Amino acid sequence: MGKQTFLAFSHYKMCTRHQCSLVCIFLEDVLQQTYLLPL
């Protein structure tokens, strides 16, 4: 879980840096839902 989360976050940061719009918007939505869930 931790490794998968780290990879997803790394991909999100890399994607944001290169500004690939649709994929980033989708990833941002998914990651926000993931990280904003109370643990």
PDB file of N, CA and C in Angstrom:
ATOM      1  N   MET A   1       0.842  -1.200   0.000  1.00  0.00           N
ATOM      2  CA  MET A   1       0.000   0.000   0.000  1.00  0.00           C
ATOM      3  C   MET A   1       0.878   1.251   0.000  1.00  0.00           C
ATOM      4  N   GLY A   2       1.858   1.299   0.903  1.00  0.00           N
ATOM      5  CA  GLY A   2       2.722   2.462   0.980  1.00  0.00           C
ATOM      6  C   GLY A   2       3.505   2.682  -0.297  1.00  0.00           C
ATOM      7  N   LYS A   3       4.023   1.567  -0.842  1.00  0.00           N
ATOM      8  CA  LYS A   3       4.814   1.663  -2.071  1.00  0.00           C
ATOM      9  C   LYS A   3       3.932   2.126  -3.224  1.00  0.00           C
ATOM     10  N   GLN A   4       2.725   1.579  -3.304  1.00  0.00           N
ATOM     11  CA  GLN A   4       1.804   1.943  -4.381  1.00  0.00           C
ATOM     12  C   GLN A   4       1.407   3.417  -4.264  1.00  0.00           C
ATOM     13  N   THR A   5       1.171   3.863  -3.042  1.00  0.00           N
ATOM     14  CA  THR A   5       0.817   5.262  -2.815  1.00  0.00           C
ATOM     15  C   THR A   5       1.958   6.181  -3.218  1.00  0.00           C
ATOM     16  N   PHE A   6       3.188   5.785  -2.849  1.00  0.00           N
ATOM     17  CA  PHE A   6       4.364   6.584  -3.198  1.00  0.00           C
ATOM     18  C   PHE A   6       4.525   6.672  -4.708  1.00  0.00           C
ATOM     19  N   LEU A   7       4.343   5.548  -5.406  1.00  0.00           N
ATOM     20  CA  LEU A   7       4.476   5.536  -6.862  1.00  0.00           C
ATOM     21  C   LEU A   7       3.405   6.412  -7.499  1.00  0.00           C
ATOM     22  N   ALA A   8       2.196   6.342  -6.982  1.00  0.00           N
ATOM     23  CA  ALA A   8       1.110   7.161  -7.519  1.00  0.00           C
ATOM     24  C   ALA A   8       1.407   8.645  -7.315  1.00  0.00           C
ATOM     25  N   PHE A   9       1.923   8.984  -6.135  1.00  0.00           N
ATOM     26  CA  PHE A   9       2.240  10.380  -5.844  1.00  0.00           C
ATOM     27  C   PHE A   9       3.396  10.864  -6.708  1.00  0.00           C
ATOM     28  N   SER A  10       4.403  10.000  -6.900  1.00  0.00           N
ATOM     29  CA  SER A  10       5.541  10.358  -7.752  1.00  0.00           C
ATOM     30  C   SER A  10       5.083  10.581  -9.186  1.00  0.00           C
ATOM     31  N   HIS A  11       4.200   9.707  -9.663  1.00  0.00           N
ATOM     32  CA  HIS A  11       3.682   9.849 -11.015  1.00  0.00           C
ATOM     33  C   HIS A  11       2.870  11.127 -11.140  1.00  0.00           C
ATOM     34  N   TYR A  12       2.099  11.444 -10.106  1.00  0.00           N
ATOM     35  CA  TYR A  12       1.311  12.676 -10.105  1.00  0.00           C
ATOM     36  C   TYR A  12       2.218  13.903 -10.182  1.00  0.00           C
ATOM     37  N   LYS A  13       3.293  13.909  -9.385  1.00  0.00           N
ATOM     38  CA  LYS A  13       4.214  15.047  -9.398  1.00  0.00           C
ATOM     39  C   LYS A  13       4.903  15.173 -10.749  1.00  0.00           C
ATOM     40  N   MET A  14       5.334  14.043 -11.301  1.00  0.00           N
ATOM     41  CA  MET A  14       5.990  14.052 -12.602  1.00  0.00           C
ATOM     42  C   MET A  14       5.016  14.536 -13.675  1.00  0.00           C
ATOM     43  N   CYS A  15       3.785  14.057 -13.599  1.00  0.00           N
ATOM     44  CA  CYS A  15       2.765  14.433 -14.575  1.00  0.00           C
ATOM     45  C   CYS A  15       2.471  15.925 -14.477  1.00  0.00           C
ATOM     46  N   THR A  16       2.394  16.437 -13.269  1.00  0.00           N
ATOM     47  CA  THR A  16       2.122  17.858 -13.083  1.00  0.00           C
ATOM     48  C   THR A  16       3.256  18.694 -13.649  1.00  0.00           C
ATOM     49  N   ARG A  17       4.475  18.217 -13.455  1.00  0.00           N
ATOM     50  CA  ARG A  17       5.643  18.943 -13.936  1.00  0.00           C
ATOM     51  C   ARG A  17       5.602  19.059 -15.456  1.00  0.00           C
ATOM     52  N   HIS A  18       5.135  18.000 -16.115  1.00  0.00           N
ATOM     53  CA  HIS A  18       5.075  18.008 -17.582  1.00  0.00           C
ATOM     54  C   HIS A  18       3.730  18.520 -18.101  1.00  0.00           C
ATOM     55  N   GLN A  19       2.820  18.775 -17.190  1.00  0.00           N
ATOM     56  CA  GLN A  19       1.538  19.389 -17.531  1.00  0.00           C
ATOM     57  C   GLN A  19       0.753  18.620 -18.591  1.00  0.00           C
ATOM     58  N   CYS A  20       0.579  17.315 -18.381  1.00  0.00           N
ATOM     59  CA  CYS A  20      -0.332  16.564 -19.255  1.00  0.00           C
ATOM     60  C   CYS A  20      -1.721  16.662 -18.657  1.00  0.00           C
ATOM     61  N   SER A  21      -2.562  17.426 -19.312  1.00  0.00           N
ATOM     62  CA  SER A  21      -3.763  17.966 -18.686  1.00  0.00           C
ATOM     63  C   SER A  21      -4.771  16.920 -18.228  1.00  0.00           C
ATOM     64  N   LEU A  22      -5.337  16.132 -19.144  1.00  0.00           N
ATOM     65  CA  LEU A  22      -6.440  15.247 -18.779  1.00  0.00           C
ATOM     66  C   LEU A  22      -6.022  14.191 -17.774  1.00  0.00           C
ATOM     67  N   VAL A  23      -4.853  13.606 -17.993  1.00  0.00           N
ATOM     68  CA  VAL A  23      -4.379  12.575 -17.072  1.00  0.00           C
ATOM     69  C   VAL A  23      -4.138  13.172 -15.697  1.00  0.00           C
ATOM     70  N   CYS A  24      -3.571  14.370 -15.663  1.00  0.00           N
ATOM     71  CA  CYS A  24      -3.298  15.029 -14.384  1.00  0.00           C
ATOM     72  C   CYS A  24      -4.583  15.357 -13.648  1.00  0.00           C
ATOM     73  N   ILE A  25      -5.571  15.825 -14.366  1.00  0.00           N
ATOM     74  CA  ILE A  25      -6.846  16.151 -13.736  1.00  0.00           C
ATOM     75  C   ILE A  25      -7.457  14.903 -13.120  1.00  0.00           C
ATOM     76  N   PHE A  26      -7.392  13.792 -13.868  1.00  0.00           N
ATOM     77  CA  PHE A  26      -7.921  12.536 -13.353  1.00  0.00           C
ATOM     78  C   PHE A  26      -7.128  12.065 -12.140  1.00  0.00           C
ATOM     79  N   LEU A  27      -5.800  12.093 -12.257  1.00  0.00           N
ATOM     80  CA  LEU A  27      -4.950  11.643 -11.152  1.00  0.00           C
ATOM     81  C   LEU A  27      -5.151  12.517  -9.925  1.00  0.00           C
ATOM     82  N   GLU A  28      -5.268  13.820 -10.142  1.00  0.00           N
ATOM     83  CA  GLU A  28      -5.452  14.732  -9.018  1.00  0.00           C
ATOM     84  C   GLU A  28      -6.736  14.401  -8.278  1.00  0.00           C
ATOM     85  N   ASP A  29      -7.812  14.134  -9.024  1.00  0.00           N
ATOM     86  CA  ASP A  29      -9.088  13.803  -8.415  1.00  0.00           C
ATOM     87  C   ASP A  29      -8.980  12.524  -7.593  1.00  0.00           C
ATOM     88  N   VAL A  30      -8.352  11.500  -8.187  1.00  0.00           N
ATOM     89  CA  VAL A  30      -8.204  10.221  -7.491  1.00  0.00           C
ATOM     90  C   VAL A  30      -7.332  10.368  -6.250  1.00  0.00           C
ATOM     91  N   LEU A  31      -6.212  11.080  -6.397  1.00  0.00           N
ATOM     92  CA  LEU A  31      -5.287  11.214  -5.272  1.00  0.00           C
ATOM     93  C   LEU A  31      -5.883  12.061  -4.159  1.00  0.00           C
ATOM     94  N   GLN A  32      -6.639  13.087  -4.520  1.00  0.00           N
ATOM     95  CA  GLN A  32      -7.278  13.900  -3.486  1.00  0.00           C
ATOM     96  C   GLN A  32      -8.279  13.064  -2.706  1.00  0.00           C
ATOM     97  N   GLN A  33      -9.051  12.228  -3.400  1.00  0.00           N
ATOM     98  CA  GLN A  33      -9.999  11.359  -2.711  1.00  0.00           C
ATOM     99  C   GLN A  33      -9.263  10.389  -1.798  1.00  0.00           C
ATOM    100  N   THR A  34      -8.107   9.897  -2.275  1.00  0.00           N
ATOM    101  CA  THR A  34      -7.332   8.940  -1.483  1.00  0.00           C
ATOM    102  C   THR A  34      -6.745   9.602  -0.248  1.00  0.00           C
ATOM    103  N   TYR A  35      -6.083  10.756  -0.426  1.00  0.00           N
ATOM    104  CA  TYR A  35      -5.349  11.368   0.676  1.00  0.00           C
ATOM    105  C   TYR A  35      -6.256  12.107   1.648  1.00  0.00           C
ATOM    106  N   LEU A  36      -7.424  12.532   1.192  1.00  0.00           N
ATOM    107  CA  LEU A  36      -8.314  13.264   2.079  1.00  0.00           C
ATOM    108  C   LEU A  36      -9.211  12.343   2.891  1.00  0.00           C
ATOM    109  N   LEU A  37      -9.178  11.034   2.591  1.00  0.00           N
ATOM    110  CA  LEU A  37      -9.940  10.101   3.410  1.00  0.00           C
ATOM    111  C   LEU A  37      -9.334  10.032   4.805  1.00  0.00           C
ATOM    112  N   PRO A  38     -10.161  10.119   5.842  1.00  0.00           N
ATOM    113  CA  PRO A  38      -9.638   9.970   7.208  1.00  0.00           C
ATOM    114  C   PRO A  38      -9.093   8.566   7.402  1.00  0.00           C
ATOM    115  N   LEU A  39      -7.901   8.477   7.989  1.00  0.00           N
ATOM    116  CA  LEU A  39      -7.277   7.163   8.186  1.00  0.00           C
ATOM    117  C   LEU A  39      -7.710   6.566   9.522  1.00  0.00           C
TER     118      LEU A  39
END
